[in-house]
PDB file of N, CA and C in Angstrom:
ATOM      1  N   MET A   1       0.831  -1.181   0.000  1.00  0.00           N
ATOM      2  CA  MET A   1       0.000   0.000   0.000  1.00  0.00           C
ATOM      3  C   MET A   1       0.878   1.249   0.000  1.00  0.00           C
ATOM      4  N   ALA A   2       0.411   2.228  -0.665  1.00  0.00           N
ATOM      5  CA  ALA A   2       1.156   3.477  -0.745  1.00  0.00           C
ATOM      6  C   ALA A   2       0.908   4.318   0.510  1.00  0.00           C
ATOM      7  N   LYS A   3       1.868   5.170   0.789  1.00  0.00           N
ATOM      8  CA  LYS A   3       1.708   6.067   1.935  1.00  0.00           C
ATOM      9  C   LYS A   3       0.649   7.110   1.620  1.00  0.00           C
ATOM     10  N   LYS A   4      -0.084   7.509   2.621  1.00  0.00           N
ATOM     11  CA  LYS A   4      -1.082   8.546   2.425  1.00  0.00           C
ATOM     12  C   LYS A   4      -0.387   9.906   2.462  1.00  0.00           C
ATOM     13  N   PRO A   5      -0.703  10.770   1.513  1.00  0.00           N
ATOM     14  CA  PRO A   5      -0.044  12.076   1.479  1.00  0.00           C
ATOM     15  C   PRO A   5      -0.481  12.940   2.662  1.00  0.00           C
ATOM     16  N   THR A   6       0.457  13.703   3.170  1.00  0.00           N
ATOM     17  CA  THR A   6       0.138  14.627   4.247  1.00  0.00           C
ATOM     18  C   THR A   6      -0.444  15.900   3.658  1.00  0.00           C
ATOM     19  N   GLY A   7      -0.922  16.761   4.520  1.00  0.00           N
ATOM     20  CA  GLY A   7      -1.504  18.011   4.054  1.00  0.00           C
ATOM     21  C   GLY A   7      -0.473  18.988   3.534  1.00  0.00           C
ATOM     22  N   ASP A   8       0.773  18.828   3.949  1.00  0.00           N
ATOM     23  CA  ASP A   8       1.836  19.755   3.546  1.00  0.00           C
ATOM     24  C   ASP A   8       2.421  19.362   2.205  1.00  0.00           C
ATOM     25  N   SER A   9       2.756  20.354   1.414  1.00  0.00           N
ATOM     26  CA  SER A   9       3.443  20.085   0.165  1.00  0.00           C
ATOM     27  C   SER A   9       4.937  19.930   0.453  1.00  0.00           C
ATOM     28  N   ASP A  10       5.678  19.518  -0.562  1.00  0.00           N
ATOM     29  CA  ASP A  10       7.122  19.357  -0.400  1.00  0.00           C
ATOM     30  C   ASP A  10       7.766  20.672  -0.003  1.00  0.00           C
ATOM     31  N   GLU A  11       7.298  21.731  -0.619  1.00  0.00           N
ATOM     32  CA  GLU A  11       7.875  23.050  -0.374  1.00  0.00           C
ATOM     33  C   GLU A  11       7.714  23.466   1.091  1.00  0.00           C
ATOM     34  N   ILE A  12       6.532  23.248   1.641  1.00  0.00           N
ATOM     35  CA  ILE A  12       6.268  23.634   3.030  1.00  0.00           C
ATOM     36  C   ILE A  12       7.104  22.796   3.995  1.00  0.00           C
ATOM     37  N   ARG A  13       7.185  21.479   3.715  1.00  0.00           N
ATOM     38  CA  ARG A  13       7.973  20.608   4.585  1.00  0.00           C
ATOM     39  C   ARG A  13       9.445  21.000   4.575  1.00  0.00           C
ATOM     40  N   LEU A  14       9.982  21.331   3.404  1.00  0.00           N
ATOM     41  CA  LEU A  14      11.382  21.724   3.313  1.00  0.00           C
ATOM     42  C   LEU A  14      11.632  23.035   4.044  1.00  0.00           C
ATOM     43  N   LYS A  15      10.704  23.990   3.912  1.00  0.00           N
ATOM     44  CA  LYS A  15      10.857  25.260   4.621  1.00  0.00           C
ATOM     45  C   LYS A  15      10.887  25.044   6.125  1.00  0.00           C
ATOM     46  N   LYS A  16      10.027  24.151   6.617  1.00  0.00           N
ATOM     47  CA  LYS A  16      10.002  23.857   8.057  1.00  0.00           C
ATOM     48  C   LYS A  16      11.312  23.239   8.511  1.00  0.00           C
ATOM     49  N   LYS A  17      11.822  22.278   7.738  1.00  0.00           N
ATOM     50  CA  LYS A  17      13.078  21.618   8.101  1.00  0.00           C
ATOM     51  C   LYS A  17      14.233  22.619   8.148  1.00  0.00           C
ATOM     52  N   ILE A  18      14.280  23.497   7.163  1.00  0.00           N
ATOM     53  CA  ILE A  18      15.368  24.485   7.108  1.00  0.00           C
ATOM     54  C   ILE A  18      15.286  25.431   8.292  1.00  0.00           C
ATOM     55  N   SER A  19      14.089  25.887   8.620  1.00  0.00           N
ATOM     56  CA  SER A  19      13.957  26.830   9.732  1.00  0.00           C
ATOM     57  C   SER A  19      14.308  26.172  11.063  1.00  0.00           C
ATOM     58  N   VAL A  20      13.944  24.904  11.230  1.00  0.00           N
ATOM     59  CA  VAL A  20      14.285  24.199  12.468  1.00  0.00           C
ATOM     60  C   VAL A  20      15.797  24.036  12.579  1.00  0.00           C
ATOM     61  N   ARG A  21      16.426  23.643  11.494  1.00  0.00           N
ATOM     62  CA  ARG A  21      17.887  23.463  11.518  1.00  0.00           C
ATOM     63  C   ARG A  21      18.605  24.778  11.783  1.00  0.00           C
ATOM     64  N   ALA A  22      18.114  25.845  11.180  1.00  0.00           N
ATOM     65  CA  ALA A  22      18.758  27.148  11.333  1.00  0.00           C
ATOM     66  C   ALA A  22      18.636  27.628  12.777  1.00  0.00           C
ATOM     67  N   ASN A  23      17.487  27.393  13.410  1.00  0.00           N
ATOM     68  CA  ASN A  23      17.292  27.829  14.793  1.00  0.00           C
ATOM     69  C   ASN A  23      18.071  26.963  15.772  1.00  0.00           C
ATOM     70  N   ASP A  24      18.164  25.666  15.504  1.00  0.00           N
ATOM     71  CA  ASP A  24      18.847  24.754  16.419  1.00  0.00           C
ATOM     72  C   ASP A  24      20.352  24.963  16.420  1.00  0.00           C
ATOM     73  N   GLU A  25      20.923  25.096  15.255  1.00  0.00           N
ATOM     74  CA  GLU A  25      22.383  25.077  15.165  1.00  0.00           C
ATOM     75  C   GLU A  25      23.031  26.443  15.328  1.00  0.00           C
ATOM     76  N   LYS A  26      22.361  27.496  14.892  1.00  0.00           N
ATOM     77  CA  LYS A  26      22.914  28.853  14.962  1.00  0.00           C
ATOM     78  C   LYS A  26      24.278  28.935  14.275  1.00  0.00           C
ATOM     79  N   LYS A  27      24.437  28.172  13.223  1.00  0.00           N
ATOM     80  CA  LYS A  27      25.695  28.166  12.484  1.00  0.00           C
ATOM     81  C   LYS A  27      25.537  28.936  11.189  1.00  0.00           C
ATOM     82  N   VAL A  28      26.639  29.164  10.555  1.00  0.00           N
ATOM     83  CA  VAL A  28      26.619  29.726   9.210  1.00  0.00           C
ATOM     84  C   VAL A  28      26.128  28.613   8.292  1.00  0.00           C
ATOM     85  N   SER A  29      25.652  28.941   7.140  1.00  0.00           N
ATOM     86  CA  SER A  29      25.060  27.946   6.259  1.00  0.00           C
ATOM     87  C   SER A  29      26.094  27.013   5.627  1.00  0.00           C
ATOM     88  N   SER A  30      27.182  26.734   6.326  1.00  0.00           N
ATOM     89  CA  SER A  30      28.203  25.841   5.784  1.00  0.00           C
ATOM     90  C   SER A  30      27.880  24.379   6.045  1.00  0.00           C
ATOM     91  N   ASP A  31      26.826  24.109   6.817  1.00  0.00           N
ATOM     92  CA  ASP A  31      26.438  22.733   7.098  1.00  0.00           C
ATOM     93  C   ASP A  31      25.932  22.086   5.813  1.00  0.00           C
ATOM     94  N   PRO A  32      26.514  20.946   5.425  1.00  0.00           N
ATOM     95  CA  PRO A  32      26.098  20.321   4.168  1.00  0.00           C
ATOM     96  C   PRO A  32      24.640  19.869   4.153  1.00  0.00           C
ATOM     97  N   ALA A  33      24.102  19.475   5.298  1.00  0.00           N
ATOM     98  CA  ALA A  33      22.706  19.030   5.345  1.00  0.00           C
ATOM     99  C   ALA A  33      21.767  20.195   5.056  1.00  0.00           C
ATOM    100  N   VAL A  34      22.047  21.345   5.650  1.00  0.00           N
ATOM    101  CA  VAL A  34      21.212  22.525   5.415  1.00  0.00           C
ATOM    102  C   VAL A  34      21.347  22.981   3.964  1.00  0.00           C
ATOM    103  N   ARG A  35      22.556  22.894   3.451  1.00  0.00           N
ATOM    104  CA  ARG A  35      22.794  23.300   2.063  1.00  0.00           C
ATOM    105  C   ARG A  35      21.998  22.423   1.099  1.00  0.00           C
ATOM    106  N   SER A  36      21.979  21.120   1.349  1.00  0.00           N
ATOM    107  CA  SER A  36      21.232  20.235   0.451  1.00  0.00           C
ATOM    108  C   SER A  36      19.729  20.463   0.582  1.00  0.00           C
ATOM    109  N   LEU A  37      19.261  20.781   1.799  1.00  0.00           N
ATOM    110  CA  LEU A  37      17.839  21.098   1.974  1.00  0.00           C
ATOM    111  C   LEU A  37      17.471  22.350   1.192  1.00  0.00           C
ATOM    112  N   ARG A  38      18.346  23.348   1.248  1.00  0.00           N
ATOM    113  CA  ARG A  38      18.081  24.591   0.507  1.00  0.00           C
ATOM    114  C   ARG A  38      18.047  24.338  -0.996  1.00  0.00           C
ATOM    115  N   LYS A  39      18.957  23.479  -1.459  1.00  0.00           N
ATOM    116  CA  LYS A  39      18.983  23.159  -2.883  1.00  0.00           C
ATOM    117  C   LYS A  39      17.707  22.433  -3.304  1.00  0.00           C
ATOM    118  N   ARG A  40      17.245  21.505  -2.463  1.00  0.00           N
ATOM    119  CA  ARG A  40      15.999  20.799  -2.758  1.00  0.00           C
ATOM    120  C   ARG A  40      14.820  21.755  -2.781  1.00  0.00           C
ATOM    121  N   LEU A  41      14.812  22.709  -1.831  1.00  0.00           N
ATOM    122  CA  LEU A  41      13.738  23.703  -1.790  1.00  0.00           C
ATOM    123  C   LEU A  41      13.729  24.534  -3.066  1.00  0.00           C
ATOM    124  N   LYS A  42      14.883  24.991  -3.490  1.00  0.00           N
ATOM    125  CA  LYS A  42      14.968  25.801  -4.710  1.00  0.00           C
ATOM    126  C   LYS A  42      14.496  25.002  -5.920  1.00  0.00           C
ATOM    127  N   ARG A  43      14.842  23.713  -5.968  1.00  0.00           N
ATOM    128  CA  ARG A  43      14.422  22.858  -7.067  1.00  0.00           C
ATOM    129  C   ARG A  43      12.901  22.730  -7.114  1.00  0.00           C
ATOM    130  N   VAL A  44      12.285  22.535  -5.950  1.00  0.00           N
ATOM    131  CA  VAL A  44      10.828  22.408  -5.881  1.00  0.00           C
ATOM    132  C   VAL A  44      10.168  23.716  -6.296  1.00  0.00           C
ATOM    133  N   GLN A  45      10.702  24.844  -5.830  1.00  0.00           N
ATOM    134  CA  GLN A  45      10.145  26.140  -6.197  1.00  0.00           C
ATOM    135  C   GLN A  45      10.253  26.381  -7.705  1.00  0.00           C
ATOM    136  N   ARG A  46      11.378  25.997  -8.277  1.00  0.00           N
ATOM    137  CA  ARG A  46      11.590  26.174  -9.709  1.00  0.00           C
ATOM    138  C   ARG A  46      10.577  25.336 -10.503  1.00  0.00           C
ATOM    139  N   LYS A  47      10.339  24.095 -10.039  1.00  0.00           N
ATOM    140  CA  LYS A  47       9.361  23.240 -10.705  1.00  0.00           C
ATOM    141  C   LYS A  47       7.970  23.850 -10.648  1.00  0.00           C
ATOM    142  N   ARG A  48       7.586  24.377  -9.475  1.00  0.00           N
ATOM    143  CA  ARG A  48       6.262  24.967  -9.312  1.00  0.00           C
ATOM    144  C   ARG A  48       6.095  26.174 -10.230  1.00  0.00           C
ATOM    145  N   ARG A  49       7.112  27.025 -10.289  1.00  0.00           N
ATOM    146  CA  ARG A  49       7.024  28.209 -11.148  1.00  0.00           C
ATOM    147  C   ARG A  49       6.951  27.831 -12.620  1.00  0.00           C
ATOM    148  N   ALA A  50       7.717  26.820 -13.018  1.00  0.00           N
ATOM    149  CA  ALA A  50       7.705  26.383 -14.413  1.00  0.00           C
ATOM    150  C   ALA A  50       6.338  25.818 -14.786  1.00  0.00           C
ATOM    151  N   LEU A  51       5.750  25.062 -13.877  1.00  0.00           N
ATOM    152  CA  LEU A  51       4.438  24.482 -14.130  1.00  0.00           C
ATOM    153  C   LEU A  51       3.381  25.567 -14.294  1.00  0.00           C
ATOM    154  N   SER A  52       3.402  26.560 -13.412  1.00  0.00           N
ATOM    155  CA  SER A  52       2.411  27.630 -13.519  1.00  0.00           C
ATOM    156  C   SER A  52       2.612  28.428 -14.805  1.00  0.00           C
ATOM    157  N   SER A  53       3.861  28.608 -15.192  1.00  0.00           N
ATOM    158  CA  SER A  53       4.144  29.329 -16.430  1.00  0.00           C
ATOM    159  C   SER A  53       3.632  28.554 -17.641  1.00  0.00           C
ATOM    160  N   ARG A  54       3.838  27.229 -17.634  1.00  0.00           N
ATOM    161  CA  ARG A  54       3.352  26.406 -18.742  1.00  0.00           C
ATOM    162  C   ARG A  54       1.831  26.426 -18.812  1.00  0.00           C
ATOM    163  N   LYS A  55       1.180  26.354 -17.656  1.00  0.00           N
ATOM    164  CA  LYS A  55      -0.290  26.385 -17.634  1.00  0.00           C
ATOM    165  C   LYS A  55      -0.810  27.722 -18.162  1.00  0.00           C
ATOM    166  N   LYS A  56      -0.153  28.790 -17.737  1.00  0.00           N
ATOM    167  CA  LYS A  56      -0.565  30.126 -18.168  1.00  0.00           C
ATOM    168  C   LYS A  56      -0.394  30.277 -19.672  1.00  0.00           C
ATOM    169  N   HIS A  57       0.710  29.761 -20.188  1.00  0.00           N
ATOM    170  CA  HIS A  57       0.977  29.856 -21.619  1.00  0.00           C
ATOM    171  C   HIS A  57       0.004  28.984 -22.404  1.00  0.00           C
ATOM    172  N   ALA A  58      -0.324  27.819 -21.871  1.00  0.00           N
ATOM    173  CA  ALA A  58      -1.236  26.908 -22.559  1.00  0.00           C
ATOM    174  C   ALA A  58      -2.656  27.458 -22.601  1.00  0.00           C
ATOM    175  N   ALA A  59      -3.026  28.242 -21.588  1.00  0.00           N
ATOM    176  CA  ALA A  59      -4.367  28.811 -21.558  1.00  0.00           C
ATOM    177  C   ALA A  59      -4.552  29.825 -22.671  1.00  0.00           C
ATOM    178  N   GLY A  60      -3.491  30.465 -23.049  1.00  0.00           N
ATOM    179  CA  GLY A  60      -3.547  31.413 -24.160  1.00  0.00           C
ATOM    180  C   GLY A  60      -4.308  32.669 -23.813  1.00  0.00           C
ATOM    181  N   LYS A  61      -4.964  33.215 -24.811  1.00  0.00           N
ATOM    182  CA  LYS A  61      -5.664  34.473 -24.615  1.00  0.00           C
ATOM    183  C   LYS A  61      -7.101  34.295 -24.160  1.00  0.00           C
ATOM    184  N   GLN A  62      -7.547  33.056 -23.997  1.00  0.00           N
ATOM    185  CA  GLN A  62      -8.920  32.818 -23.555  1.00  0.00           C
ATOM    186  C   GLN A  62      -9.174  33.423 -22.189  1.00  0.00           C
ATOM    187  N   THR A  63      -8.221  33.263 -21.277  1.00  0.00           N
ATOM    188  CA  THR A  63      -8.422  33.777 -19.929  1.00  0.00           C
ATOM    189  C   THR A  63      -8.405  35.305 -19.916  1.00  0.00           C
ATOM    190  N   GLU A  64      -7.628  35.895 -20.796  1.00  0.00           N
ATOM    191  CA  GLU A  64      -7.551  37.363 -20.833  1.00  0.00           C
ATOM    192  C   GLU A  64      -8.866  37.965 -21.327  1.00  0.00           C
ATOM    193  N   THR A  65      -9.514  37.337 -22.292  1.00  0.00           N
ATOM    194  CA  THR A  65     -10.757  37.886 -22.826  1.00  0.00           C
ATOM    195  C   THR A  65     -11.918  37.703 -21.857  1.00  0.00           C
ATOM    196  N   LYS A  66     -11.885  36.648 -21.058  1.00  0.00           N
ATOM    197  CA  LYS A  66     -12.955  36.415 -20.091  1.00  0.00           C
ATOM    198  C   LYS A  66     -12.877  37.396 -18.934  1.00  0.00           C
ATOM    199  N   ALA A  67     -11.686  37.783 -18.563  1.00  0.00           N
ATOM    200  CA  ALA A  67     -11.519  38.648 -17.379  1.00  0.00           C
ATOM    201  C   ALA A  67     -11.950  40.054 -17.603  1.00  0.00           C
TER     202      ALA A  67
END
C-alpha cells in the first residue's frame, strides 16, 4: 500500500526543516545538510514556477478575454 499524502506540500515541509535546523544550530550555512535542503527547496520552487508558467501559456488568450 502506498503512503497517504500529508496536508503539507514538499515546499512547506522543506521550509520547516530548514527553519528548524537554522534555529537549532545557529551556524553559518556551511552545514552540508542545510545546504542540500536549501537546494531541494529551490528545485521544488523552480518546478512549481515552471508548471504555472506552462499552464498560463497553454491557456492562451482565452483567460484574458474572459476577465
